[in-house]
Amino acid sequence: MSTVLETEEHQALRAAVAALGKRYGRDYMTTVIREGSHTHELWAEAAKLGYLGVNLPEEYGGGGGGMAELSIVLEELGAAGSPLLMMIVSPAICGTVIARFGTDEQKQKWLPGLADGTLTMAFGITEPDAGSNSHRITTTARRDGTDWLLTGRKVFVSGVDIADATLIVGRTEDARSGKLKPCLFIVPRDAEGFGRNQIDMELHAPEKQFELVLDDVRLPAEALVGDEDAGLLQLFAGLNPERIMTAAFGIGMGRFALGKAVEYARTRQVWKAPIGSHQAIAHPLATAHIDLELSRLMMQKAARLYDDGDDIGAGEAANMAKYAAGEACVKAVDQAVHTLGGNGLTREYGLASLITASRVARIAPVSREMILNYVSHQSLGLPKSY
């Protein structure tokens, strides 16, 4: 894919990560999934090379870059067939929120480990009855002396089994208005009253999904991230990187599938000519390539705006990038499977499992319909429909 809009440093990073991904590839990922294990080896090597913390401040062991650099890492690993989903959660959401809003003590405790891969953090926002409506979150935190008591439930929380802590979105009562306002808390994995149950998923991925139950989890005052009155600002500071990185996840997967299909179409011969010479095969693949390229442009725009400190502009672009990448990913995977015909459903070619996996970029972390609501209301000024 073209990289003319990127700096030489970005191009070098892209090439280096692509080389790392190629050493692991899809076979590594499918083996990890089959064995029910985790991508510890790839995670550790990516961390050692400085890729996991490339967006975190240099003073805490990070690369001093931003979402532009981190999205390159995830995209290229995905294009090699071995994406690290926890990159979306640990360095992108949690690392960003702590770096921007955490206390000095929180930064010193968490950022070096998040940067070098020795610490991992999960992120819990979705609830069984709230879905995409963050205003209906019922996980609440109440004061007990200087401590907090956190009670509630979360669902579809990735990687809790391997995370040292989970950044939980709860709500505290505003003493002045009596209304509930969002706040973020760091909950250690071994906290008393913090239970988890694995959700049985049809999705085949190394990262497991969990339901969390918080039953009066007692947390010290320093578990609260940042300012209690700036919870919404802090929350969205994490959600924009989440959307940018989900776009990178989708683009990488789409590129992997498209690459498999193009290679097959070049070499598979029927009636004395490669099937790729037929427009019925070639044109849909070309369309998939165009859609992935356009998605990446919007992702680059979103990353640039975010890294420049334009949270509002980044919010619009990040939502659009996530939407476009989700659609492009699904279409690329679907077309790749059809290009290979029966082979597209074999384990040998490794595309069939992506039919389910590609839907992740459409569904999470926010549905495409909610993004269309956002764009119609926020960008176009149409009446709010929800």
Protein backbone atom coordinates (compact mmCIF):
# COMPACT_ATOMS: atom_id res chain seq x y z
CA MET A 1 0.00 0.00 0.00
CA SER A 2 1.16 3.53 -0.71
CA THR A 3 2.99 5.36 2.07
CA VAL A 4 3.73 8.70 0.38
CA LEU A 5 1.86 10.63 3.10
CA GLU A 6 4.06 9.20 5.84
CA THR A 7 7.38 10.43 7.15
CA GLU A 8 10.54 8.42 6.60
CA GLU A 9 10.37 7.43 10.26
CA HIS A 10 6.85 6.12 9.79
CA GLN A 11 7.83 4.19 6.70
CA ALA A 12 10.79 2.67 8.54
CA LEU A 13 8.54 1.71 11.45
CA ARG A 14 6.03 0.15 9.07
CA ALA A 15 8.74 -1.92 7.34
CA ALA A 16 10.27 -3.07 10.63
CA VAL A 17 6.93 -4.14 12.11
CA ALA A 18 5.99 -5.90 8.87
CA ALA A 19 9.22 -7.90 9.13
CA LEU A 20 8.36 -8.86 12.71
CA GLY A 21 4.85 -9.87 11.72
CA LYS A 22 6.15 -11.98 8.86
CA ARG A 23 8.31 -13.99 11.28
CA TYR A 24 5.16 -14.96 13.18
CA GLY A 25 2.36 -14.80 10.63
CA ARG A 26 -1.04 -16.47 10.54
CA ASP A 27 0.29 -19.93 11.40
CA TYR A 28 1.51 -18.65 14.75
CA MET A 29 -1.87 -17.09 15.48
CA THR A 30 -3.88 -20.16 14.52
CA THR A 31 -1.61 -22.36 16.65
CA VAL A 32 -2.10 -20.09 19.66
CA ILE A 33 -5.87 -20.14 19.14
CA ARG A 34 -5.97 -23.93 18.70
CA GLU A 35 -3.97 -24.47 21.87
CA GLY A 36 -6.07 -22.00 23.84
CA SER A 37 -2.95 -20.06 24.83
CA HIS A 38 -1.94 -16.42 24.42
CA THR A 39 0.34 -14.43 22.12
CA HIS A 40 2.97 -14.00 24.85
CA GLU A 41 5.97 -14.49 22.52
CA LEU A 42 4.87 -11.92 19.93
CA TRP A 43 3.75 -9.50 22.65
CA ALA A 44 7.12 -9.75 24.41
CA GLU A 45 9.15 -9.31 21.22
CA ALA A 46 7.04 -6.37 20.03
CA ALA A 47 7.53 -4.81 23.46
CA LYS A 48 11.27 -5.42 23.47
CA LEU A 49 11.57 -3.66 20.11
CA GLY A 50 9.68 -0.67 21.53
CA TYR A 51 6.54 -1.11 19.42
CA LEU A 52 3.95 -1.55 22.20
CA GLY A 53 4.81 1.69 23.95
CA VAL A 54 5.56 3.77 20.88
CA ASN A 55 2.72 6.17 21.80
CA LEU A 56 3.68 6.60 25.46
CA PRO A 57 5.91 9.38 26.89
CA GLU A 58 9.67 8.87 26.64
CA GLU A 59 10.17 9.74 30.30
CA TYR A 60 8.28 6.55 31.19
CA GLY A 61 10.05 4.31 28.72
CA GLY A 62 7.77 4.89 25.75
CA GLY A 63 8.60 6.02 22.23
CA GLY A 64 7.23 9.54 22.61
CA GLY A 65 5.01 9.15 19.56
CA GLY A 66 1.26 8.97 19.28
CA MET A 67 -1.65 7.17 17.68
CA ALA A 68 -0.11 7.63 14.25
CA GLU A 69 2.77 5.36 15.24
CA LEU A 70 0.77 2.87 17.33
CA SER A 71 -1.82 2.38 14.58
CA ILE A 72 0.99 1.56 12.13
CA VAL A 73 2.20 -1.19 14.48
CA LEU A 74 -1.21 -2.84 14.81
CA GLU A 75 -2.03 -2.50 11.11
CA GLU A 76 1.20 -4.15 10.00
CA LEU A 77 0.92 -6.98 12.50
CA GLY A 78 -2.63 -7.54 11.25
CA ALA A 79 -1.54 -7.45 7.63
CA ALA A 80 0.88 -10.27 8.49
CA GLY A 81 -1.99 -12.28 9.97
CA SER A 82 -1.03 -11.84 13.63
CA PRO A 83 -2.78 -8.79 15.12
CA LEU A 84 -2.52 -8.08 18.84
CA LEU A 85 -6.00 -7.05 19.93
CA MET A 86 -4.80 -6.06 23.41
CA MET A 87 -2.82 -3.21 21.81
CA ILE A 88 -6.16 -1.45 21.40
CA VAL A 89 -6.83 -1.78 25.11
CA SER A 90 -3.56 -1.65 27.04
CA PRO A 91 -1.30 1.01 25.45
CA ALA A 92 -3.95 2.83 23.35
CA ILE A 93 -6.84 3.29 25.81
CA CYS A 94 -5.39 2.72 29.27
CA GLY A 95 -1.90 4.02 28.55
CA THR A 96 -3.26 7.15 26.90
CA VAL A 97 -5.72 7.93 29.71
CA ILE A 98 -3.10 7.45 32.43
CA ALA A 99 -0.47 9.44 30.49
CA ARG A 100 -2.89 12.35 29.98
CA PHE A 101 -4.78 12.40 33.24
CA GLY A 102 -3.12 10.12 35.78
CA THR A 103 -1.29 11.32 38.88
CA ASP A 104 2.49 11.20 38.96
CA GLU A 105 2.25 8.09 41.12
CA GLN A 106 -0.11 6.37 38.65
CA LYS A 107 2.14 7.24 35.74
CA GLN A 108 5.23 5.89 37.50
CA LYS A 109 3.42 2.73 38.58
CA TRP A 110 1.82 1.80 35.26
CA LEU A 111 3.35 3.52 32.22
CA PRO A 112 6.83 1.89 32.23
CA GLY A 113 5.23 -1.56 32.42
CA LEU A 114 2.63 -0.79 29.78
CA ALA A 115 5.42 0.50 27.55
CA ASP A 116 7.76 -2.48 27.94
CA GLY A 117 4.97 -5.07 27.91
CA THR A 118 5.54 -6.37 31.43
CA LEU A 119 2.20 -4.94 32.54
CA THR A 120 -1.12 -5.27 30.71
CA MET A 121 -4.35 -3.48 31.44
CA ALA A 122 -7.91 -4.30 30.32
CA PHE A 123 -10.76 -1.83 29.87
CA GLY A 124 -14.31 -2.29 31.13
CA ILE A 125 -17.07 0.01 29.93
CA THR A 126 -19.86 -2.09 28.33
CA GLU A 127 -22.67 -3.30 30.58
CA PRO A 128 -25.43 -5.88 29.99
CA ASP A 129 -28.23 -3.30 30.07
CA ALA A 130 -26.41 -0.22 28.79
CA GLY A 131 -24.84 -1.31 25.49
CA SER A 132 -23.60 1.78 23.66
CA ASN A 133 -25.47 4.12 26.02
CA SER A 134 -22.74 5.22 28.43
CA HIS A 135 -25.32 7.37 30.24
CA ARG A 136 -27.04 4.19 31.46
CA ILE A 137 -23.94 2.74 33.10
CA THR A 138 -24.99 1.48 36.52
CA THR A 139 -21.58 0.52 37.92
CA THR A 140 -21.32 2.96 40.80
CA ALA A 141 -18.59 4.07 43.16
CA ARG A 142 -19.38 5.44 46.57
CA ARG A 143 -17.05 6.85 49.17
CA ASP A 144 -16.29 4.99 52.37
CA GLY A 145 -13.93 7.20 54.32
CA THR A 146 -10.99 7.79 52.00
CA ASP A 147 -11.71 4.57 50.08
CA TRP A 148 -14.07 3.86 47.19
CA LEU A 149 -16.53 0.96 47.02
CA LEU A 150 -17.23 -0.12 43.44
CA THR A 151 -20.28 -2.23 42.54
CA GLY A 152 -21.64 -3.31 39.18
CA ARG A 153 -21.29 -5.57 36.14
CA LYS A 154 -19.40 -5.38 32.85
CA VAL A 155 -19.50 -7.58 29.75
CA PHE A 156 -17.28 -8.21 26.72
CA VAL A 157 -14.12 -7.17 28.50
CA SER A 158 -11.10 -8.49 26.58
CA GLY A 159 -8.09 -10.14 28.15
CA VAL A 160 -8.98 -9.85 31.83
CA ASP A 161 -7.29 -13.22 32.45
CA ILE A 162 -3.91 -11.84 31.39
CA ALA A 163 -4.35 -8.25 32.59
CA ASP A 164 -2.72 -7.02 35.78
CA ALA A 165 -5.58 -4.56 36.26
CA THR A 166 -8.73 -3.35 34.55
CA LEU A 167 -9.60 0.30 33.95
CA ILE A 168 -13.27 0.35 34.93
CA VAL A 169 -15.72 3.05 33.91
CA GLY A 170 -18.02 3.70 36.85
CA ARG A 171 -20.15 6.57 38.05
CA THR A 172 -19.96 8.67 41.18
CA GLU A 173 -22.63 10.89 42.64
CA ASP A 174 -22.13 14.62 42.24
CA ALA A 175 -22.54 16.10 45.71
CA ARG A 176 -23.94 19.34 44.28
CA SER A 177 -26.51 18.01 41.81
CA GLY A 178 -27.04 14.46 43.01
CA LYS A 179 -26.54 13.26 39.42
CA LEU A 180 -24.20 10.44 38.49
CA LYS A 181 -21.06 11.31 36.52
CA PRO A 182 -18.54 8.97 34.85
CA CYS A 183 -15.23 8.23 36.52
CA LEU A 184 -12.39 5.81 35.81
CA PHE A 185 -10.89 3.43 38.37
CA ILE A 186 -7.90 1.10 38.24
CA VAL A 187 -9.00 -2.26 39.66
CA PRO A 188 -6.21 -4.82 40.34
CA ARG A 189 -6.96 -8.33 39.10
CA ASP A 190 -6.72 -9.81 42.63
CA ALA A 191 -9.00 -7.23 44.29
CA GLU A 192 -11.45 -8.81 46.71
CA GLY A 193 -14.97 -8.92 45.28
CA PHE A 194 -13.71 -8.64 41.68
CA GLY A 195 -15.05 -11.72 39.88
CA ARG A 196 -14.87 -12.76 36.25
CA ASN A 197 -16.60 -15.34 34.06
CA GLN A 198 -15.42 -16.20 30.57
CA ILE A 199 -18.05 -15.71 27.85
CA ASP A 200 -18.38 -18.65 25.45
CA MET A 201 -17.72 -17.03 22.06
CA GLU A 202 -17.99 -18.36 18.51
CA LEU A 203 -15.20 -15.90 17.74
CA HIS A 204 -11.83 -17.65 17.51
CA ALA A 205 -9.18 -15.36 18.96
CA PRO A 206 -6.36 -15.59 21.52
CA GLU A 207 -8.01 -12.84 23.56
CA LYS A 208 -10.85 -14.19 25.69
CA GLN A 209 -13.99 -12.21 26.54
CA PHE A 210 -15.28 -11.87 30.09
CA GLU A 211 -18.21 -10.78 32.18
CA LEU A 212 -17.09 -8.97 35.31
CA VAL A 213 -18.91 -8.74 38.62
CA LEU A 214 -17.79 -6.07 41.10
CA ASP A 215 -19.25 -6.68 44.53
CA ASP A 216 -18.29 -3.80 46.83
CA VAL A 217 -14.70 -3.84 45.55
CA ARG A 218 -12.76 -1.68 47.99
CA LEU A 219 -10.27 0.63 46.31
CA PRO A 220 -7.91 3.20 47.80
CA ALA A 221 -8.34 6.88 46.92
CA GLU A 222 -5.45 6.66 44.44
CA ALA A 223 -7.37 4.13 42.31
CA LEU A 224 -9.37 7.01 40.85
CA VAL A 225 -7.73 8.21 37.64
CA GLY A 226 -7.36 11.94 37.27
CA ASP A 227 -9.96 14.45 38.34
CA GLU A 228 -13.34 13.23 39.54
CA ASP A 229 -14.98 16.18 37.78
CA ALA A 230 -13.29 15.51 34.41
CA GLY A 231 -14.52 11.95 33.96
CA LEU A 232 -16.29 12.46 30.63
CA LEU A 233 -13.29 14.25 29.10
CA GLN A 234 -11.00 11.48 30.32
CA LEU A 235 -13.34 8.79 29.00
CA PHE A 236 -13.42 10.24 25.50
CA ALA A 237 -9.65 10.66 25.59
CA GLY A 238 -9.56 6.86 25.66
CA LEU A 239 -12.42 6.19 23.25
CA ASN A 240 -10.94 8.10 20.31
CA PRO A 241 -7.71 6.03 20.36
CA GLU A 242 -9.89 2.93 20.69
CA ARG A 243 -11.68 3.78 17.44
CA ILE A 244 -8.46 4.66 15.63
CA MET A 245 -6.87 1.38 16.70
CA THR A 246 -9.98 -0.63 15.79
CA ALA A 247 -9.67 0.90 12.32
CA ALA A 248 -6.05 -0.25 12.20
CA PHE A 249 -7.16 -3.72 13.30
CA GLY A 250 -9.74 -3.88 10.50
CA ILE A 251 -7.43 -2.50 7.82
CA GLY A 252 -4.70 -4.95 8.76
CA MET A 253 -7.07 -7.91 8.63
CA GLY A 254 -8.51 -6.74 5.32
CA ARG A 255 -5.03 -6.39 3.84
CA PHE A 256 -4.11 -9.90 4.98
CA ALA A 257 -7.20 -11.42 3.38
CA LEU A 258 -6.79 -9.39 0.19
CA GLY A 259 -3.15 -10.43 -0.08
CA LYS A 260 -4.13 -14.10 0.11
CA ALA A 261 -6.78 -13.62 -2.56
CA VAL A 262 -4.52 -11.69 -4.93
CA GLU A 263 -1.79 -14.33 -4.65
CA TYR A 264 -4.33 -17.06 -5.37
CA ALA A 265 -5.88 -15.17 -8.30
CA ARG A 266 -2.44 -14.69 -9.86
CA THR A 267 -1.54 -18.37 -9.75
CA ARG A 268 -4.78 -20.35 -9.90
CA GLN A 269 -5.38 -21.39 -13.52
CA VAL A 270 -8.69 -22.46 -15.02
CA TRP A 271 -9.17 -22.67 -18.79
CA LYS A 272 -5.52 -21.86 -19.47
CA ALA A 273 -5.45 -18.45 -17.76
CA PRO A 274 -5.06 -17.24 -14.16
CA ILE A 275 -8.46 -16.49 -12.70
CA GLY A 276 -7.20 -12.99 -11.84
CA SER A 277 -7.26 -12.14 -15.54
CA HIS A 278 -11.07 -12.20 -15.43
CA GLN A 279 -12.72 -8.92 -14.45
CA ALA A 280 -15.33 -10.76 -12.37
CA ILE A 281 -12.43 -11.71 -10.06
CA ALA A 282 -10.13 -8.72 -10.55
CA HIS A 283 -12.59 -5.85 -10.15
CA PRO A 284 -14.00 -6.82 -6.73
CA LEU A 285 -10.44 -7.25 -5.45
CA ALA A 286 -9.50 -3.84 -6.85
CA THR A 287 -12.56 -2.35 -5.15
CA ALA A 288 -11.56 -3.94 -1.85
CA HIS A 289 -8.08 -2.43 -2.19
CA ILE A 290 -9.53 1.03 -2.87
CA ASP A 291 -11.82 0.80 0.16
CA LEU A 292 -8.95 -0.23 2.43
CA GLU A 293 -6.78 2.63 1.15
CA LEU A 294 -9.56 5.16 1.74
CA SER A 295 -10.11 3.79 5.24
CA ARG A 296 -6.45 4.19 6.01
CA LEU A 297 -6.49 7.81 4.87
CA MET A 298 -9.28 8.62 7.32
CA MET A 299 -7.46 6.70 10.06
CA GLN A 300 -4.32 8.74 9.40
CA LYS A 301 -6.35 11.93 9.57
CA ALA A 302 -7.91 10.86 12.88
CA ALA A 303 -4.53 9.93 14.35
CA ARG A 304 -3.00 13.23 13.25
CA LEU A 305 -5.84 15.26 14.75
CA TYR A 306 -5.69 13.32 17.98
CA ASP A 307 -1.92 13.60 18.28
CA ASP A 308 -2.21 17.35 17.63
CA GLY A 309 -4.60 17.68 20.56
CA ASP A 310 -7.80 18.28 18.57
CA ASP A 311 -10.13 15.96 20.50
CA ILE A 312 -13.30 17.20 18.83
CA GLY A 313 -11.97 16.90 15.27
CA ALA A 314 -10.41 13.56 16.14
CA GLY A 315 -13.74 12.31 17.47
CA GLU A 316 -15.47 12.80 14.14
CA ALA A 317 -12.57 11.40 12.10
CA ALA A 318 -12.01 8.44 14.43
CA ASN A 319 -15.66 7.43 14.18
CA MET A 320 -15.58 7.72 10.40
CA ALA A 321 -12.32 5.77 10.18
CA LYS A 322 -13.66 2.98 12.36
CA TYR A 323 -16.86 2.80 10.28
CA ALA A 324 -15.02 2.78 6.96
CA ALA A 325 -12.42 0.24 8.09
CA GLY A 326 -15.08 -2.10 9.48
CA GLU A 327 -16.97 -2.09 6.20
CA ALA A 328 -13.80 -2.44 4.11
CA CYS A 329 -12.54 -5.30 6.27
CA VAL A 330 -15.75 -7.34 6.01
CA LYS A 331 -15.95 -6.82 2.25
CA ALA A 332 -12.28 -7.71 1.72
CA VAL A 333 -12.57 -10.91 3.74
CA ASP A 334 -15.80 -11.87 2.02
CA GLN A 335 -14.34 -11.27 -1.44
CA ALA A 336 -11.16 -13.17 -0.54
CA VAL A 337 -13.17 -16.23 0.49
CA HIS A 338 -15.20 -16.10 -2.72
CA THR A 339 -12.04 -15.71 -4.79
CA LEU A 340 -10.66 -18.95 -3.38
CA GLY A 341 -13.97 -20.75 -3.70
CA GLY A 342 -13.92 -24.00 -1.72
CA ASN A 343 -10.33 -23.35 -0.69
CA GLY A 344 -11.53 -20.22 1.04
CA LEU A 345 -13.21 -22.43 3.62
CA THR A 346 -10.25 -24.72 4.26
CA ARG A 347 -8.01 -24.51 7.29
CA GLU A 348 -4.97 -24.51 4.98
CA TYR A 349 -5.65 -21.02 3.67
CA GLY A 350 -6.79 -19.57 7.00
CA LEU A 351 -9.52 -17.29 5.68
CA ALA A 352 -12.72 -18.91 6.94
CA SER A 353 -12.10 -17.96 10.58
CA LEU A 354 -11.82 -14.32 9.49
CA ILE A 355 -15.46 -14.33 8.36
CA THR A 356 -16.43 -14.11 12.02
CA ALA A 357 -13.39 -12.14 13.18
CA SER A 358 -13.91 -9.40 10.58
CA ARG A 359 -17.29 -8.59 12.13
CA VAL A 360 -15.52 -7.38 15.26
CA ALA A 361 -14.48 -4.17 13.49
CA ARG A 362 -18.12 -3.56 12.56
CA ILE A 363 -19.61 -4.30 15.98
CA ALA A 364 -17.02 -3.14 18.51
CA PRO A 365 -16.29 -0.88 20.27
CA VAL A 366 -19.35 0.90 18.91
CA SER A 367 -21.78 -0.30 16.25
CA ARG A 368 -21.81 1.20 12.79
CA GLU A 369 -25.39 2.36 13.44
CA MET A 370 -24.30 4.41 16.45
CA ILE A 371 -21.56 5.96 14.32
CA LEU A 372 -24.17 6.90 11.72
CA ASN A 373 -26.20 8.45 14.55
CA TYR A 374 -23.12 10.41 15.61
CA VAL A 375 -22.34 11.66 12.11
CA SER A 376 -25.94 12.56 11.25
CA HIS A 377 -26.36 14.48 14.52
CA GLN A 378 -22.88 15.91 15.21
CA SER A 379 -21.55 16.40 11.67
CA LEU A 380 -24.72 17.13 9.70
CA GLY A 381 -26.73 18.85 12.40
CA LEU A 382 -29.79 16.63 11.95
CA PRO A 383 -32.18 16.10 14.88
CA LYS A 384 -31.01 13.56 17.44
CA SER A 385 -32.71 10.21 16.92
CA TYR A 386 -31.85 8.46 20.16
